[in-house]
Amino acid sequence: MDLRELQAILGHVSPATTARYAHLTEVTSTRARERQGQLLESFVLRWNDKS
């Protein structure tokens, strides 16, 4: 999404304020992906083949 569109939606006068929110979204997204990776690494899959 264009930063100016987001600025209009949020009603910010200053684009700097909107940029802060956009940065926080990117940081949060990156941290969430890292945490998901950590959680998935802790799982061990075991297959029981009874054939």
N, C-alpha and C. Protein backbone atom coordinates (compact mmCIF):
# COMPACT_ATOMS: atom_id res chain seq x y z
N MET A 1 0.85 -1.17 0.00
CA MET A 1 0.00 0.00 0.00
C MET A 1 0.89 1.24 0.00
N ASP A 2 0.48 2.21 -0.73
CA ASP A 2 1.20 3.47 -0.81
C ASP A 2 1.15 4.18 0.54
N LEU A 3 2.29 4.73 0.97
CA LEU A 3 2.37 5.40 2.27
C LEU A 3 1.41 6.59 2.35
N ARG A 4 1.20 7.30 1.26
CA ARG A 4 0.27 8.44 1.28
C ARG A 4 -1.18 7.98 1.45
N GLU A 5 -1.51 6.83 0.86
CA GLU A 5 -2.86 6.28 1.04
C GLU A 5 -3.08 5.92 2.50
N LEU A 6 -2.09 5.27 3.09
CA LEU A 6 -2.17 4.90 4.49
C LEU A 6 -2.28 6.14 5.38
N GLN A 7 -1.52 7.17 5.04
CA GLN A 7 -1.57 8.43 5.79
C GLN A 7 -2.99 9.00 5.77
N ALA A 8 -3.63 8.97 4.61
CA ALA A 8 -4.99 9.50 4.49
C ALA A 8 -5.98 8.65 5.30
N ILE A 9 -5.83 7.35 5.23
CA ILE A 9 -6.74 6.45 5.97
C ILE A 9 -6.62 6.67 7.47
N LEU A 10 -5.38 6.80 7.95
CA LEU A 10 -5.15 6.98 9.39
C LEU A 10 -5.40 8.42 9.85
N GLY A 11 -5.48 9.34 8.90
CA GLY A 11 -5.74 10.74 9.25
C GLY A 11 -4.54 11.47 9.81
N HIS A 12 -3.35 11.02 9.45
CA HIS A 12 -2.13 11.69 9.92
C HIS A 12 -1.84 12.92 9.09
N VAL A 13 -1.41 13.97 9.75
CA VAL A 13 -1.00 15.19 9.06
C VAL A 13 0.42 15.02 8.53
N SER A 14 1.27 14.40 9.34
CA SER A 14 2.67 14.25 8.98
C SER A 14 2.95 12.85 8.42
N PRO A 15 3.63 12.78 7.29
CA PRO A 15 4.00 11.47 6.76
C PRO A 15 4.98 10.74 7.68
N ALA A 16 5.71 11.48 8.51
CA ALA A 16 6.65 10.85 9.44
C ALA A 16 5.93 9.97 10.45
N THR A 17 4.76 10.41 10.88
CA THR A 17 3.97 9.61 11.82
C THR A 17 3.53 8.31 11.17
N THR A 18 3.07 8.39 9.95
CA THR A 18 2.64 7.20 9.22
C THR A 18 3.82 6.27 8.99
N ALA A 19 4.97 6.83 8.67
CA ALA A 19 6.17 6.02 8.44
C ALA A 19 6.56 5.24 9.69
N ARG A 20 6.37 5.82 10.87
CA ARG A 20 6.65 5.10 12.12
C ARG A 20 5.77 3.87 12.24
N TYR A 21 4.50 4.04 11.93
CA TYR A 21 3.57 2.90 12.00
C TYR A 21 3.96 1.82 10.99
N ALA A 22 4.33 2.24 9.79
CA ALA A 22 4.72 1.28 8.76
C ALA A 22 5.97 0.51 9.19
N HIS A 23 6.91 1.21 9.82
CA HIS A 23 8.13 0.55 10.30
C HIS A 23 7.80 -0.46 11.38
N LEU A 24 6.93 -0.11 12.30
CA LEU A 24 6.55 -1.03 13.36
C LEU A 24 5.90 -2.29 12.79
N THR A 25 5.12 -2.12 11.74
CA THR A 25 4.49 -3.27 11.11
C THR A 25 5.54 -4.20 10.52
N GLU A 26 6.56 -3.65 9.87
CA GLU A 26 7.62 -4.47 9.28
C GLU A 26 8.41 -5.18 10.38
N VAL A 27 8.73 -4.48 11.46
CA VAL A 27 9.47 -5.08 12.57
C VAL A 27 8.67 -6.21 13.20
N THR A 28 7.39 -5.95 13.44
CA THR A 28 6.53 -6.96 14.04
C THR A 28 6.42 -8.18 13.14
N SER A 29 6.29 -7.96 11.86
CA SER A 29 6.17 -9.05 10.90
C SER A 29 7.44 -9.90 10.88
N THR A 30 8.59 -9.24 10.88
CA THR A 30 9.87 -9.95 10.89
C THR A 30 10.02 -10.77 12.16
N ARG A 31 9.70 -10.19 13.28
CA ARG A 31 9.81 -10.91 14.55
C ARG A 31 8.86 -12.10 14.61
N ALA A 32 7.67 -11.94 14.06
CA ALA A 32 6.70 -13.03 14.04
C ALA A 32 7.23 -14.19 13.20
N ARG A 33 7.81 -13.90 12.03
CA ARG A 33 8.38 -14.96 11.19
C ARG A 33 9.52 -15.67 11.90
N GLU A 34 10.38 -14.91 12.58
CA GLU A 34 11.49 -15.51 13.32
C GLU A 34 10.98 -16.44 14.42
N ARG A 35 9.97 -16.00 15.13
CA ARG A 35 9.41 -16.80 16.23
C ARG A 35 8.74 -18.06 15.69
N GLN A 36 8.05 -17.96 14.57
CA GLN A 36 7.44 -19.14 13.96
C GLN A 36 8.51 -20.16 13.60
N GLY A 37 9.61 -19.69 13.05
CA GLY A 37 10.72 -20.58 12.71
C GLY A 37 11.27 -21.28 13.94
N GLN A 38 11.42 -20.55 15.02
CA GLN A 38 11.91 -21.14 16.27
C GLN A 38 10.96 -22.21 16.78
N LEU A 39 9.68 -21.93 16.73
CA LEU A 39 8.68 -22.89 17.20
C LEU A 39 8.68 -24.15 16.35
N LEU A 40 8.77 -23.98 15.04
CA LEU A 40 8.77 -25.15 14.15
C LEU A 40 10.01 -26.01 14.33
N GLU A 41 11.15 -25.39 14.63
CA GLU A 41 12.38 -26.14 14.84
C GLU A 41 12.29 -27.04 16.06
N SER A 42 11.43 -26.71 17.01
CA SER A 42 11.32 -27.50 18.24
C SER A 42 10.50 -28.77 18.05
N PHE A 43 9.78 -28.89 16.92
CA PHE A 43 8.97 -30.07 16.67
C PHE A 43 9.80 -31.17 16.03
N VAL A 44 9.50 -32.40 16.41
CA VAL A 44 10.14 -33.55 15.80
C VAL A 44 9.02 -34.42 15.23
N LEU A 45 9.13 -34.73 13.95
CA LEU A 45 8.13 -35.58 13.33
C LEU A 45 8.60 -37.02 13.36
N ARG A 46 7.71 -37.90 13.75
CA ARG A 46 8.02 -39.34 13.77
C ARG A 46 6.97 -40.06 12.96
N TRP A 47 7.42 -40.94 12.12
CA TRP A 47 6.51 -41.73 11.30
C TRP A 47 6.53 -43.17 11.81
N ASN A 48 5.37 -43.71 12.05
CA ASN A 48 5.23 -45.11 12.41
C ASN A 48 4.60 -45.83 11.23
N ASP A 49 5.42 -46.62 10.58
CA ASP A 49 4.93 -47.38 9.42
C ASP A 49 4.67 -48.80 9.87
N LYS A 50 3.41 -49.15 10.01
CA LYS A 50 3.03 -50.48 10.52
C LYS A 50 2.73 -51.45 9.37
N SER A 51 3.28 -51.24 8.18
CA SER A 51 2.99 -52.14 7.08
C SER A 51 3.89 -53.34 7.09
